[in-house]
Amino acid sequence: MNQPTVNLIEKQSNSITDNASDSLQWPISQIQMLLDLPFNDLIYRAQTIHRQFHDPNEIQLSTLISVKTGGCPEDCGYCPQAARYHTGVENQSMLSLDTVVTAAKAAKDHGATRFCMGAAWRGPKQRDIDEVTEMISAVKTLGLETCATLGMLKPGQAEQLSMAGLDYYNHNLDTAPEIYGDIITTRDYQDRLDTLEEIRNAGINVCCGGIVGMGESRHARAGLIAQLANLDPYPESVPINHLVQVEGTPLYGTATLDPLEFVRTIAAARISMPKAMVRLSAGRREMSEAIQALCFLAGANSIFYGDKLLTTGNPEAAQDHALFEKLGLRSR
């Protein structure tokens, strides 16, 4: 490609970003334009924006533990914890406070700065909130950032979590609104948006992203990123998950997403949400080192760290350290 063409594409990409910043809106068509750019131009633009707001060689480490596993009444087509699917995941009761604190200490010793606690519920009952707030307070005293993902919240519950010291609440939109009903029927999109509003109103940082590789089109991926980028404000933390196919779930056997399409999604998230922490989440175990490196180049600057991510595997800590050393990356 000759130099004038490169300049034209860079000017077009700058225009996309500038116009969206002025209006505080990202139409799906503009996200689609980003995803349709030649790969090198998209990555160049994403890396340029990434360097304006972040240290390009620093990766934030989070560790996620399942404090209550299995038995969920929802029908999310990707989830092995749904009670209605036969996936081999057993229903387990809530972990003890001591078990959670021990895990948090180990996570901190291995370099994690944020500790995330997940529970397989449609939404927590008050007795669940009482137990989880104890965990949050105990983990907070270790000097770790705290995060929880507990499902839909009722009025007042977010305030209780905030008072306990919760820094982040994770509640993903999962996918674009137009295909949401193909993935989940037991709650609707507005339910998710209502919980995000509860979180914001309680002064808790929002961790919200989605899952790609569920058979959706590029246009649907653009729709997901547009939904996230148009939240006001957009999330402080944006986990981008690659579907981990688990036998027994409805999405098992879905055609595998091209890895470079996943990298494009990371880049679009970075460009449209420049200040957010964009996290490589589920599915990272299945990614080659080269694809992970491209994701970091595209603007990912956070990972889930450790040997397990809720009920599916995650790259071991030693592998991550080795990869960081190869790439000259630092953890924080």
C-alpha atoms as a PDB file:
ATOM      1  CA  MET A   1       0.000   0.000   0.000  1.00  0.00           C
ATOM      2  CA  ASN A   2       1.425   3.393  -0.895  1.00  0.00           C
ATOM      3  CA  GLN A   3       1.909   6.202   1.615  1.00  0.00           C
ATOM      4  CA  PRO A   4      -1.040   8.410   0.485  1.00  0.00           C
ATOM      5  CA  THR A   5      -3.438   5.480   1.018  1.00  0.00           C
ATOM      6  CA  VAL A   6      -2.043   4.880   4.512  1.00  0.00           C
ATOM      7  CA  ASN A   7      -2.557   8.554   5.339  1.00  0.00           C
ATOM      8  CA  LEU A   8      -6.121   8.414   4.038  1.00  0.00           C
ATOM      9  CA  ILE A   9      -7.007   5.444   6.221  1.00  0.00           C
ATOM     10  CA  GLU A  10      -5.355   7.035   9.256  1.00  0.00           C
ATOM     11  CA  LYS A  11      -7.336  10.227   8.615  1.00  0.00           C
ATOM     12  CA  GLN A  12     -10.546   8.178   8.313  1.00  0.00           C
ATOM     13  CA  SER A  13      -9.834   6.357  11.572  1.00  0.00           C
ATOM     14  CA  ASN A  14      -9.023   9.629  13.340  1.00  0.00           C
ATOM     15  CA  SER A  15     -12.307  11.046  12.065  1.00  0.00           C
ATOM     16  CA  ILE A  16     -14.225   8.078  13.450  1.00  0.00           C
ATOM     17  CA  THR A  17     -12.686   8.590  16.883  1.00  0.00           C
ATOM     18  CA  ASP A  18     -13.004  12.387  16.893  1.00  0.00           C
ATOM     19  CA  ASN A  19     -16.653  12.370  15.806  1.00  0.00           C
ATOM     20  CA  ALA A  20     -17.589   9.782  18.412  1.00  0.00           C
ATOM     21  CA  SER A  21     -15.790  11.744  21.126  1.00  0.00           C
ATOM     22  CA  ASP A  22     -17.669  14.919  20.190  1.00  0.00           C
ATOM     23  CA  SER A  23     -21.103  13.271  20.340  1.00  0.00           C
ATOM     24  CA  LEU A  24     -20.325  10.842  23.154  1.00  0.00           C
ATOM     25  CA  GLN A  25     -21.950   8.200  20.977  1.00  0.00           C
ATOM     26  CA  TRP A  26     -20.639   5.343  18.883  1.00  0.00           C
ATOM     27  CA  PRO A  27     -23.128   4.283  16.200  1.00  0.00           C
ATOM     28  CA  ILE A  28     -22.840   0.644  15.256  1.00  0.00           C
ATOM     29  CA  SER A  29     -21.896   1.745  11.746  1.00  0.00           C
ATOM     30  CA  GLN A  30     -18.777   3.472  13.062  1.00  0.00           C
ATOM     31  CA  ILE A  31     -17.709   0.431  15.069  1.00  0.00           C
ATOM     32  CA  GLN A  32     -18.307  -1.637  11.931  1.00  0.00           C
ATOM     33  CA  MET A  33     -16.048   0.742   9.992  1.00  0.00           C
ATOM     34  CA  LEU A  34     -13.312   0.129  12.531  1.00  0.00           C
ATOM     35  CA  LEU A  35     -13.699  -3.639  12.352  1.00  0.00           C
ATOM     36  CA  ASP A  36     -13.609  -3.476   8.560  1.00  0.00           C
ATOM     37  CA  LEU A  37     -10.326  -1.550   8.382  1.00  0.00           C
ATOM     38  CA  PRO A  38      -7.265  -3.366   7.018  1.00  0.00           C
ATOM     39  CA  PHE A  39      -5.792  -5.266   9.960  1.00  0.00           C
ATOM     40  CA  ASN A  40      -2.530  -3.304  10.121  1.00  0.00           C
ATOM     41  CA  ASP A  41      -4.333   0.031  10.060  1.00  0.00           C
ATOM     42  CA  LEU A  42      -6.755  -1.030  12.773  1.00  0.00           C
ATOM     43  CA  ILE A  43      -3.950  -2.233  15.048  1.00  0.00           C
ATOM     44  CA  TYR A  44      -1.917   0.923  14.383  1.00  0.00           C
ATOM     45  CA  ARG A  45      -4.848   3.104  15.357  1.00  0.00           C
ATOM     46  CA  ALA A  46      -5.622   1.060  18.476  1.00  0.00           C
ATOM     47  CA  GLN A  47      -1.996   1.090  19.625  1.00  0.00           C
ATOM     48  CA  THR A  48      -1.733   4.840  19.017  1.00  0.00           C
ATOM     49  CA  ILE A  49      -4.778   5.491  21.207  1.00  0.00           C
ATOM     50  CA  HIS A  50      -3.617   2.972  23.794  1.00  0.00           C
ATOM     51  CA  ARG A  51      -0.342   4.841  24.247  1.00  0.00           C
ATOM     52  CA  GLN A  52      -2.193   8.115  24.830  1.00  0.00           C
ATOM     53  CA  PHE A  53      -3.892   6.758  27.940  1.00  0.00           C
ATOM     54  CA  HIS A  54      -1.885   3.773  29.214  1.00  0.00           C
ATOM     55  CA  ASP A  55       1.614   2.444  29.710  1.00  0.00           C
ATOM     56  CA  PRO A  56       1.945   0.200  26.627  1.00  0.00           C
ATOM     57  CA  ASN A  57       4.099  -2.341  28.457  1.00  0.00           C
ATOM     58  CA  GLU A  58       2.086  -2.727  31.664  1.00  0.00           C
ATOM     59  CA  ILE A  59      -0.551  -5.400  32.296  1.00  0.00           C
ATOM     60  CA  GLN A  60      -2.911  -5.438  35.265  1.00  0.00           C
ATOM     61  CA  LEU A  61      -3.379  -8.852  36.884  1.00  0.00           C
ATOM     62  CA  SER A  62      -6.686 -10.035  38.329  1.00  0.00           C
ATOM     63  CA  THR A  63      -7.546 -13.369  39.911  1.00  0.00           C
ATOM     64  CA  LEU A  64     -11.063 -14.805  39.872  1.00  0.00           C
ATOM     65  CA  ILE A  65     -12.450 -17.362  42.310  1.00  0.00           C
ATOM     66  CA  SER A  66     -15.848 -19.051  42.263  1.00  0.00           C
ATOM     67  CA  VAL A  67     -17.255 -18.592  45.773  1.00  0.00           C
ATOM     68  CA  LYS A  68     -20.450 -20.465  44.871  1.00  0.00           C
ATOM     69  CA  THR A  69     -20.393 -22.915  41.949  1.00  0.00           C
ATOM     70  CA  GLY A  70     -23.140 -24.569  39.890  1.00  0.00           C
ATOM     71  CA  GLY A  71     -26.893 -24.871  40.224  1.00  0.00           C
ATOM     72  CA  CYS A  72     -27.738 -21.611  38.469  1.00  0.00           C
ATOM     73  CA  PRO A  73     -31.391 -21.401  37.299  1.00  0.00           C
ATOM     74  CA  GLU A  74     -30.542 -19.292  34.231  1.00  0.00           C
ATOM     75  CA  ASP A  75     -30.305 -20.751  30.717  1.00  0.00           C
ATOM     76  CA  CYS A  76     -27.251 -18.881  29.344  1.00  0.00           C
ATOM     77  CA  GLY A  77     -26.286 -21.023  26.354  1.00  0.00           C
ATOM     78  CA  TYR A  78     -22.561 -20.764  27.034  1.00  0.00           C
ATOM     79  CA  CYS A  79     -22.541 -21.518  30.762  1.00  0.00           C
ATOM     80  CA  PRO A  80     -21.607 -24.895  32.273  1.00  0.00           C
ATOM     81  CA  GLN A  81     -22.983 -23.769  35.658  1.00  0.00           C
ATOM     82  CA  ALA A  82     -26.610 -23.749  34.510  1.00  0.00           C
ATOM     83  CA  ALA A  83     -28.510 -26.426  36.426  1.00  0.00           C
ATOM     84  CA  ARG A  84     -30.464 -27.497  33.324  1.00  0.00           C
ATOM     85  CA  TYR A  85     -27.344 -28.568  31.382  1.00  0.00           C
ATOM     86  CA  HIS A  86     -25.383 -31.761  31.960  1.00  0.00           C
ATOM     87  CA  THR A  87     -21.793 -30.524  31.992  1.00  0.00           C
ATOM     88  CA  GLY A  88     -20.269 -32.309  34.972  1.00  0.00           C
ATOM     89  CA  VAL A  89     -20.212 -29.141  37.095  1.00  0.00           C
ATOM     90  CA  GLU A  90     -21.590 -30.011  40.514  1.00  0.00           C
ATOM     91  CA  ASN A  91     -23.657 -27.679  42.651  1.00  0.00           C
ATOM     92  CA  GLN A  92     -21.420 -26.526  45.509  1.00  0.00           C
ATOM     93  CA  SER A  93     -22.287 -24.449  48.530  1.00  0.00           C
ATOM     94  CA  MET A  94     -20.671 -21.112  49.377  1.00  0.00           C
ATOM     95  CA  LEU A  95     -16.974 -21.221  50.202  1.00  0.00           C
ATOM     96  CA  SER A  96     -16.010 -20.354  53.754  1.00  0.00           C
ATOM     97  CA  LEU A  97     -14.578 -16.953  54.592  1.00  0.00           C
ATOM     98  CA  ASP A  98     -11.235 -18.536  55.535  1.00  0.00           C
ATOM     99  CA  THR A  99     -11.001 -20.342  52.179  1.00  0.00           C
ATOM    100  CA  VAL A 100     -11.633 -17.126  50.260  1.00  0.00           C
ATOM    101  CA  VAL A 101      -9.109 -15.131  52.311  1.00  0.00           C
ATOM    102  CA  THR A 102      -6.466 -17.839  51.838  1.00  0.00           C
ATOM    103  CA  ALA A 103      -7.042 -17.750  48.084  1.00  0.00           C
ATOM    104  CA  ALA A 104      -6.828 -13.957  48.079  1.00  0.00           C
ATOM    105  CA  LYS A 105      -3.521 -14.023  49.948  1.00  0.00           C
ATOM    106  CA  ALA A 106      -2.127 -16.519  47.437  1.00  0.00           C
ATOM    107  CA  ALA A 107      -3.320 -14.354  44.544  1.00  0.00           C
ATOM    108  CA  LYS A 108      -1.594 -11.310  46.013  1.00  0.00           C
ATOM    109  CA  ASP A 109       1.608 -13.276  46.596  1.00  0.00           C
ATOM    110  CA  HIS A 110       1.580 -14.220  42.897  1.00  0.00           C
ATOM    111  CA  GLY A 111       1.237 -10.612  41.776  1.00  0.00           C
ATOM    112  CA  ALA A 112      -2.501 -10.063  41.388  1.00  0.00           C
ATOM    113  CA  THR A 113      -3.768  -6.610  42.343  1.00  0.00           C
ATOM    114  CA  ARG A 114      -7.500  -7.315  42.004  1.00  0.00           C
ATOM    115  CA  PHE A 115      -9.404 -10.247  43.481  1.00  0.00           C
ATOM    116  CA  CYS A 116     -12.738 -11.124  41.900  1.00  0.00           C
ATOM    117  CA  MET A 117     -15.414 -13.258  43.568  1.00  0.00           C
ATOM    118  CA  GLY A 118     -18.053 -14.918  41.384  1.00  0.00           C
ATOM    119  CA  ALA A 119     -21.232 -16.766  42.332  1.00  0.00           C
ATOM    120  CA  ALA A 120     -23.631 -18.798  40.180  1.00  0.00           C
ATOM    121  CA  TRP A 121     -26.894 -17.107  41.054  1.00  0.00           C
ATOM    122  CA  ARG A 122     -29.653 -15.393  39.146  1.00  0.00           C
ATOM    123  CA  GLY A 123     -29.262 -12.828  41.879  1.00  0.00           C
ATOM    124  CA  PRO A 124     -28.202 -12.908  45.540  1.00  0.00           C
ATOM    125  CA  LYS A 125     -30.575 -13.236  48.487  1.00  0.00           C
ATOM    126  CA  GLN A 126     -29.991 -11.094  51.546  1.00  0.00           C
ATOM    127  CA  ARG A 127     -28.222 -13.926  53.398  1.00  0.00           C
ATOM    128  CA  ASP A 128     -25.891 -14.236  50.400  1.00  0.00           C
ATOM    129  CA  ILE A 129     -25.144 -10.515  50.483  1.00  0.00           C
ATOM    130  CA  ASP A 130     -24.322 -10.793  54.189  1.00  0.00           C
ATOM    131  CA  GLU A 131     -21.749 -13.527  53.518  1.00  0.00           C
ATOM    132  CA  VAL A 132     -20.248 -11.844  50.458  1.00  0.00           C
ATOM    133  CA  THR A 133     -19.851  -8.480  52.203  1.00  0.00           C
ATOM    134  CA  GLU A 134     -17.770 -10.246  54.861  1.00  0.00           C
ATOM    135  CA  MET A 135     -15.556 -11.635  52.118  1.00  0.00           C
ATOM    136  CA  ILE A 136     -15.226  -8.245  50.457  1.00  0.00           C
ATOM    137  CA  SER A 137     -14.212  -6.529  53.688  1.00  0.00           C
ATOM    138  CA  ALA A 138     -11.681  -9.260  54.519  1.00  0.00           C
ATOM    139  CA  VAL A 139     -10.090  -9.191  51.053  1.00  0.00           C
ATOM    140  CA  LYS A 140      -9.993  -5.395  51.117  1.00  0.00           C
ATOM    141  CA  THR A 141      -7.890  -5.449  54.294  1.00  0.00           C
ATOM    142  CA  LEU A 142      -5.218  -7.396  52.366  1.00  0.00           C
ATOM    143  CA  GLY A 143      -4.634  -4.359  50.147  1.00  0.00           C
ATOM    144  CA  LEU A 144      -6.291  -5.872  47.068  1.00  0.00           C
ATOM    145  CA  GLU A 145      -8.888  -4.269  44.855  1.00  0.00           C
ATOM    146  CA  THR A 146     -12.153  -6.162  45.181  1.00  0.00           C
ATOM    147  CA  CYS A 147     -14.576  -7.240  42.468  1.00  0.00           C
ATOM    148  CA  ALA A 148     -17.742  -9.336  42.586  1.00  0.00           C
ATOM    149  CA  THR A 149     -20.056 -10.897  40.030  1.00  0.00           C
ATOM    150  CA  LEU A 150     -23.226 -12.103  41.685  1.00  0.00           C
ATOM    151  CA  GLY A 151     -25.914 -11.738  39.024  1.00  0.00           C
ATOM    152  CA  MET A 152     -28.785  -9.261  39.043  1.00  0.00           C
ATOM    153  CA  LEU A 153     -28.985  -6.906  42.014  1.00  0.00           C
ATOM    154  CA  LYS A 154     -32.110  -5.709  43.759  1.00  0.00           C
ATOM    155  CA  PRO A 155     -32.453  -2.103  44.940  1.00  0.00           C
ATOM    156  CA  GLY A 156     -30.258  -1.493  47.965  1.00  0.00           C
ATOM    157  CA  GLN A 157     -27.930  -4.456  47.440  1.00  0.00           C
ATOM    158  CA  ALA A 158     -25.329  -2.463  45.508  1.00  0.00           C
ATOM    159  CA  GLU A 159     -25.177   0.055  48.367  1.00  0.00           C
ATOM    160  CA  GLN A 160     -24.469  -2.779  50.820  1.00  0.00           C
ATOM    161  CA  LEU A 161     -21.647  -4.040  48.619  1.00  0.00           C
ATOM    162  CA  SER A 162     -20.254  -0.523  48.342  1.00  0.00           C
ATOM    163  CA  MET A 163     -20.284  -0.047  52.114  1.00  0.00           C
ATOM    164  CA  ALA A 164     -18.301  -3.283  52.463  1.00  0.00           C
ATOM    165  CA  GLY A 165     -15.585  -1.809  50.240  1.00  0.00           C
ATOM    166  CA  LEU A 166     -16.367  -3.292  46.825  1.00  0.00           C
ATOM    167  CA  ASP A 167     -14.348  -1.551  44.116  1.00  0.00           C
ATOM    168  CA  TYR A 168     -15.780  -3.200  40.977  1.00  0.00           C
ATOM    169  CA  TYR A 169     -18.902  -5.116  40.063  1.00  0.00           C
ATOM    170  CA  ASN A 170     -18.871  -7.336  36.988  1.00  0.00           C
ATOM    171  CA  HIS A 171     -22.078  -7.697  35.019  1.00  0.00           C
ATOM    172  CA  ASN A 172     -21.580  -8.419  31.328  1.00  0.00           C
ATOM    173  CA  LEU A 173     -23.955  -7.531  28.510  1.00  0.00           C
ATOM    174  CA  ASP A 174     -22.749 -10.729  26.809  1.00  0.00           C
ATOM    175  CA  THR A 175     -23.682  -9.837  23.232  1.00  0.00           C
ATOM    176  CA  ALA A 176     -25.585  -7.416  21.005  1.00  0.00           C
ATOM    177  CA  PRO A 177     -29.272  -6.807  21.836  1.00  0.00           C
ATOM    178  CA  GLU A 178     -30.570  -8.242  18.553  1.00  0.00           C
ATOM    179  CA  ILE A 179     -29.161 -11.728  19.185  1.00  0.00           C
ATOM    180  CA  TYR A 180     -29.360 -11.720  22.973  1.00  0.00           C
ATOM    181  CA  GLY A 181     -32.564 -13.775  22.969  1.00  0.00           C
ATOM    182  CA  ASP A 182     -30.787 -16.520  21.021  1.00  0.00           C
ATOM    183  CA  ILE A 183     -28.304 -16.922  23.863  1.00  0.00           C
ATOM    184  CA  ILE A 184     -30.393 -16.276  27.004  1.00  0.00           C
ATOM    185  CA  THR A 185     -34.141 -16.330  27.639  1.00  0.00           C
ATOM    186  CA  THR A 186     -34.388 -16.248  31.441  1.00  0.00           C
ATOM    187  CA  ARG A 187     -33.518 -12.556  31.690  1.00  0.00           C
ATOM    188  CA  ASP A 188     -33.643  -9.746  29.187  1.00  0.00           C
ATOM    189  CA  TYR A 189     -31.251  -7.011  28.164  1.00  0.00           C
ATOM    190  CA  GLN A 190     -32.992  -4.402  30.275  1.00  0.00           C
ATOM    191  CA  ASP A 191     -32.435  -6.556  33.385  1.00  0.00           C
ATOM    192  CA  ARG A 192     -28.720  -6.255  32.774  1.00  0.00           C
ATOM    193  CA  LEU A 193     -28.895  -2.518  32.169  1.00  0.00           C
ATOM    194  CA  ASP A 194     -30.922  -2.064  35.363  1.00  0.00           C
ATOM    195  CA  THR A 195     -28.247  -3.816  37.422  1.00  0.00           C
ATOM    196  CA  LEU A 196     -25.550  -1.654  35.827  1.00  0.00           C
ATOM    197  CA  GLU A 197     -27.547   1.409  36.852  1.00  0.00           C
ATOM    198  CA  GLU A 198     -27.768   0.119  40.439  1.00  0.00           C
ATOM    199  CA  ILE A 199     -23.991  -0.318  40.448  1.00  0.00           C
ATOM    200  CA  ARG A 200     -23.329   3.180  39.107  1.00  0.00           C
ATOM    201  CA  ASN A 201     -25.749   4.779  41.552  1.00  0.00           C
ATOM    202  CA  ALA A 202     -23.936   3.083  44.439  1.00  0.00           C
ATOM    203  CA  GLY A 203     -20.600   4.557  43.353  1.00  0.00           C
ATOM    204  CA  ILE A 204     -19.048   1.201  42.388  1.00  0.00           C
ATOM    205  CA  ASN A 205     -16.825   0.936  39.310  1.00  0.00           C
ATOM    206  CA  VAL A 206     -18.385  -1.014  36.461  1.00  0.00           C
ATOM    207  CA  CYS A 207     -16.744  -4.092  34.962  1.00  0.00           C
ATOM    208  CA  CYS A 208     -18.790  -4.969  31.889  1.00  0.00           C
ATOM    209  CA  GLY A 209     -17.945  -6.716  28.647  1.00  0.00           C
ATOM    210  CA  GLY A 210     -19.138  -9.623  26.582  1.00  0.00           C
ATOM    211  CA  ILE A 211     -18.445 -12.908  24.863  1.00  0.00           C
ATOM    212  CA  VAL A 212     -17.446 -13.374  21.241  1.00  0.00           C
ATOM    213  CA  GLY A 213     -17.316 -16.568  19.229  1.00  0.00           C
ATOM    214  CA  MET A 214     -20.941 -17.567  19.922  1.00  0.00           C
ATOM    215  CA  GLY A 215     -21.732 -17.759  16.226  1.00  0.00           C
ATOM    216  CA  GLU A 216     -22.437 -14.049  15.906  1.00  0.00           C
ATOM    217  CA  SER A 217     -21.631 -11.941  12.850  1.00  0.00           C
ATOM    218  CA  ARG A 218     -19.071  -9.150  12.729  1.00  0.00           C
ATOM    219  CA  HIS A 219     -22.023  -6.745  12.724  1.00  0.00           C
ATOM    220  CA  ALA A 220     -23.224  -8.251  16.018  1.00  0.00           C
ATOM    221  CA  ARG A 221     -19.752  -7.838  17.510  1.00  0.00           C
ATOM    222  CA  ALA A 222     -19.915  -4.200  16.435  1.00  0.00           C
ATOM    223  CA  GLY A 223     -23.281  -3.995  18.177  1.00  0.00           C
ATOM    224  CA  LEU A 224     -21.836  -5.321  21.432  1.00  0.00           C
ATOM    225  CA  ILE A 225     -18.922  -2.871  21.410  1.00  0.00           C
ATOM    226  CA  ALA A 226     -21.287  -0.013  20.566  1.00  0.00           C
ATOM    227  CA  GLN A 227     -23.540  -0.911  23.515  1.00  0.00           C
ATOM    228  CA  LEU A 228     -20.563  -0.872  25.876  1.00  0.00           C
ATOM    229  CA  ALA A 229     -19.036   2.304  24.472  1.00  0.00           C
ATOM    230  CA  ASN A 230     -22.370   4.147  24.674  1.00  0.00           C
ATOM    231  CA  LEU A 231     -22.897   3.466  28.361  1.00  0.00           C
ATOM    232  CA  ASP A 232     -22.586   6.811  30.138  1.00  0.00           C
ATOM    233  CA  PRO A 233     -19.898   6.585  31.310  1.00  0.00           C
ATOM    234  CA  TYR A 234     -18.465   3.545  29.581  1.00  0.00           C
ATOM    235  CA  PRO A 235     -17.144   0.797  31.911  1.00  0.00           C
ATOM    236  CA  GLU A 236     -13.866   1.253  33.744  1.00  0.00           C
ATOM    237  CA  SER A 237     -13.080  -2.391  33.035  1.00  0.00           C
ATOM    238  CA  VAL A 238     -14.084  -4.235  29.842  1.00  0.00           C
ATOM    239  CA  PRO A 239     -13.551  -8.023  29.836  1.00  0.00           C
ATOM    240  CA  ILE A 240     -13.634  -9.512  26.344  1.00  0.00           C
ATOM    241  CA  ASN A 241     -14.277 -13.246  26.586  1.00  0.00           C
ATOM    242  CA  HIS A 242     -13.739 -15.822  23.868  1.00  0.00           C
ATOM    243  CA  LEU A 243     -16.350 -18.573  24.112  1.00  0.00           C
ATOM    244  CA  VAL A 244     -15.004 -21.641  25.896  1.00  0.00           C
ATOM    245  CA  GLN A 245     -17.080 -24.471  24.496  1.00  0.00           C
ATOM    246  CA  VAL A 246     -18.195 -26.918  27.165  1.00  0.00           C
ATOM    247  CA  GLU A 247     -19.861 -30.172  26.184  1.00  0.00           C
ATOM    248  CA  GLY A 248     -23.451 -30.239  27.357  1.00  0.00           C
ATOM    249  CA  THR A 249     -24.123 -26.541  26.765  1.00  0.00           C
ATOM    250  CA  PRO A 250     -26.229 -25.437  23.758  1.00  0.00           C
ATOM    251  CA  LEU A 251     -23.309 -23.556  22.210  1.00  0.00           C
ATOM    252  CA  TYR A 252     -21.026 -26.591  22.215  1.00  0.00           C
ATOM    253  CA  GLY A 253     -20.008 -27.280  18.626  1.00  0.00           C
ATOM    254  CA  THR A 254     -20.334 -23.665  17.477  1.00  0.00           C
ATOM    255  CA  ALA A 255     -17.990 -22.797  14.608  1.00  0.00           C
ATOM    256  CA  THR A 256     -14.744 -21.445  16.022  1.00  0.00           C
ATOM    257  CA  LEU A 257     -14.106 -17.734  15.627  1.00  0.00           C
ATOM    258  CA  ASP A 258     -11.027 -16.760  13.623  1.00  0.00           C
ATOM    259  CA  PRO A 259      -8.407 -15.612  16.183  1.00  0.00           C
ATOM    260  CA  LEU A 260      -7.650 -12.456  14.198  1.00  0.00           C
ATOM    261  CA  GLU A 261     -11.332 -11.511  14.416  1.00  0.00           C
ATOM    262  CA  PHE A 262     -10.965 -11.669  18.193  1.00  0.00           C
ATOM    263  CA  VAL A 263      -7.958  -9.330  17.971  1.00  0.00           C
ATOM    264  CA  ARG A 264     -10.053  -6.939  15.872  1.00  0.00           C
ATOM    265  CA  THR A 265     -12.679  -6.915  18.623  1.00  0.00           C
ATOM    266  CA  ILE A 266     -10.038  -5.997  21.214  1.00  0.00           C
ATOM    267  CA  ALA A 267      -8.841  -3.154  18.987  1.00  0.00           C
ATOM    268  CA  ALA A 268     -12.356  -1.779  18.515  1.00  0.00           C
ATOM    269  CA  ALA A 269     -12.920  -1.871  22.267  1.00  0.00           C
ATOM    270  CA  ARG A 270      -9.699   0.038  22.853  1.00  0.00           C
ATOM    271  CA  ILE A 271     -10.467   2.726  20.277  1.00  0.00           C
ATOM    272  CA  SER A 272     -14.046   3.284  21.430  1.00  0.00           C
ATOM    273  CA  MET A 273     -13.272   3.117  25.180  1.00  0.00           C
ATOM    274  CA  PRO A 274      -9.785   4.625  25.356  1.00  0.00           C
ATOM    275  CA  LYS A 275      -9.451   4.959  29.137  1.00  0.00           C
ATOM    276  CA  ALA A 276     -10.903   1.565  30.062  1.00  0.00           C
ATOM    277  CA  MET A 277      -8.902  -1.454  31.136  1.00  0.00           C
ATOM    278  CA  VAL A 278      -9.546  -3.989  28.384  1.00  0.00           C
ATOM    279  CA  ARG A 279      -9.157  -7.495  29.759  1.00  0.00           C
ATOM    280  CA  LEU A 280      -8.397 -10.802  28.089  1.00  0.00           C
ATOM    281  CA  SER A 281     -10.733 -13.087  30.005  1.00  0.00           C
ATOM    282  CA  ALA A 282     -12.220 -16.503  29.291  1.00  0.00           C
ATOM    283  CA  GLY A 283     -10.717 -18.386  26.380  1.00  0.00           C
ATOM    284  CA  ARG A 284      -7.177 -17.147  26.824  1.00  0.00           C
ATOM    285  CA  ARG A 285      -5.967 -20.683  27.517  1.00  0.00           C
ATOM    286  CA  GLU A 286      -6.890 -21.640  23.952  1.00  0.00           C
ATOM    287  CA  MET A 287      -4.973 -18.699  22.451  1.00  0.00           C
ATOM    288  CA  SER A 288      -1.430 -19.021  21.165  1.00  0.00           C
ATOM    289  CA  GLU A 289       1.248 -16.720  22.538  1.00  0.00           C
ATOM    290  CA  ALA A 290       1.271 -14.916  19.192  1.00  0.00           C
ATOM    291  CA  ILE A 291      -2.462 -14.128  19.380  1.00  0.00           C
ATOM    292  CA  GLN A 292      -2.128 -12.960  22.971  1.00  0.00           C
ATOM    293  CA  ALA A 293       0.748 -10.700  21.910  1.00  0.00           C
ATOM    294  CA  LEU A 294      -1.416  -9.226  19.146  1.00  0.00           C
ATOM    295  CA  CYS A 295      -4.179  -8.613  21.678  1.00  0.00           C
ATOM    296  CA  PHE A 296      -1.757  -6.672  23.888  1.00  0.00           C
ATOM    297  CA  LEU A 297      -0.647  -4.721  20.827  1.00  0.00           C
ATOM    298  CA  ALA A 298      -4.314  -3.998  20.043  1.00  0.00           C
ATOM    299  CA  GLY A 299      -4.836  -2.490  23.482  1.00  0.00           C
ATOM    300  CA  ALA A 300      -5.587  -5.265  25.966  1.00  0.00           C
ATOM    301  CA  ASN A 301      -3.908  -4.336  29.241  1.00  0.00           C
ATOM    302  CA  SER A 302      -5.443  -6.661  31.809  1.00  0.00           C
ATOM    303  CA  ILE A 303      -5.734 -10.431  32.198  1.00  0.00           C
ATOM    304  CA  PHE A 304      -7.297 -12.959  34.500  1.00  0.00           C
ATOM    305  CA  TYR A 305      -4.378 -14.666  36.115  1.00  0.00           C
ATOM    306  CA  GLY A 306      -4.167 -18.097  37.707  1.00  0.00           C
ATOM    307  CA  ASP A 307      -4.947 -21.713  36.887  1.00  0.00           C
ATOM    308  CA  LYS A 308      -8.752 -21.555  36.866  1.00  0.00           C
ATOM    309  CA  LEU A 309     -11.405 -19.121  35.662  1.00  0.00           C
ATOM    310  CA  LEU A 310     -14.630 -20.076  37.478  1.00  0.00           C
ATOM    311  CA  THR A 311     -15.109 -23.580  36.006  1.00  0.00           C
ATOM    312  CA  THR A 312     -12.782 -23.512  32.999  1.00  0.00           C
ATOM    313  CA  GLY A 313      -9.009 -23.591  32.788  1.00  0.00           C
ATOM    314  CA  ASN A 314      -6.744 -20.553  32.523  1.00  0.00           C
ATOM    315  CA  PRO A 315      -3.035 -20.310  31.664  1.00  0.00           C
ATOM    316  CA  GLU A 316      -0.856 -21.072  34.663  1.00  0.00           C
ATOM    317  CA  ALA A 317       1.002 -18.245  36.359  1.00  0.00           C
ATOM    318  CA  ALA A 318       4.414 -19.520  35.252  1.00  0.00           C
ATOM    319  CA  GLN A 319       3.331 -19.488  31.598  1.00  0.00           C
ATOM    320  CA  ASP A 320       2.137 -15.913  31.933  1.00  0.00           C
ATOM    321  CA  HIS A 321       5.402 -14.808  33.519  1.00  0.00           C
ATOM    322  CA  ALA A 322       7.341 -16.461  30.709  1.00  0.00           C
ATOM    323  CA  LEU A 323       5.209 -14.750  28.068  1.00  0.00           C
ATOM    324  CA  PHE A 324       5.564 -11.367  29.764  1.00  0.00           C
ATOM    325  CA  GLU A 325       9.339 -11.833  29.815  1.00  0.00           C
ATOM    326  CA  LYS A 326       9.398 -12.624  26.090  1.00  0.00           C
ATOM    327  CA  LEU A 327       7.333  -9.520  25.315  1.00  0.00           C
ATOM    328  CA  GLY A 328       9.044  -7.209  27.806  1.00  0.00           C
ATOM    329  CA  LEU A 329       5.789  -6.618  29.675  1.00  0.00           C
ATOM    330  CA  ARG A 330       5.458  -5.657  33.334  1.00  0.00           C
ATOM    331  CA  SER A 331       2.649  -6.662  35.640  1.00  0.00           C
ATOM    332  CA  ARG A 332       0.850  -4.467  38.101  1.00  0.00           C
END
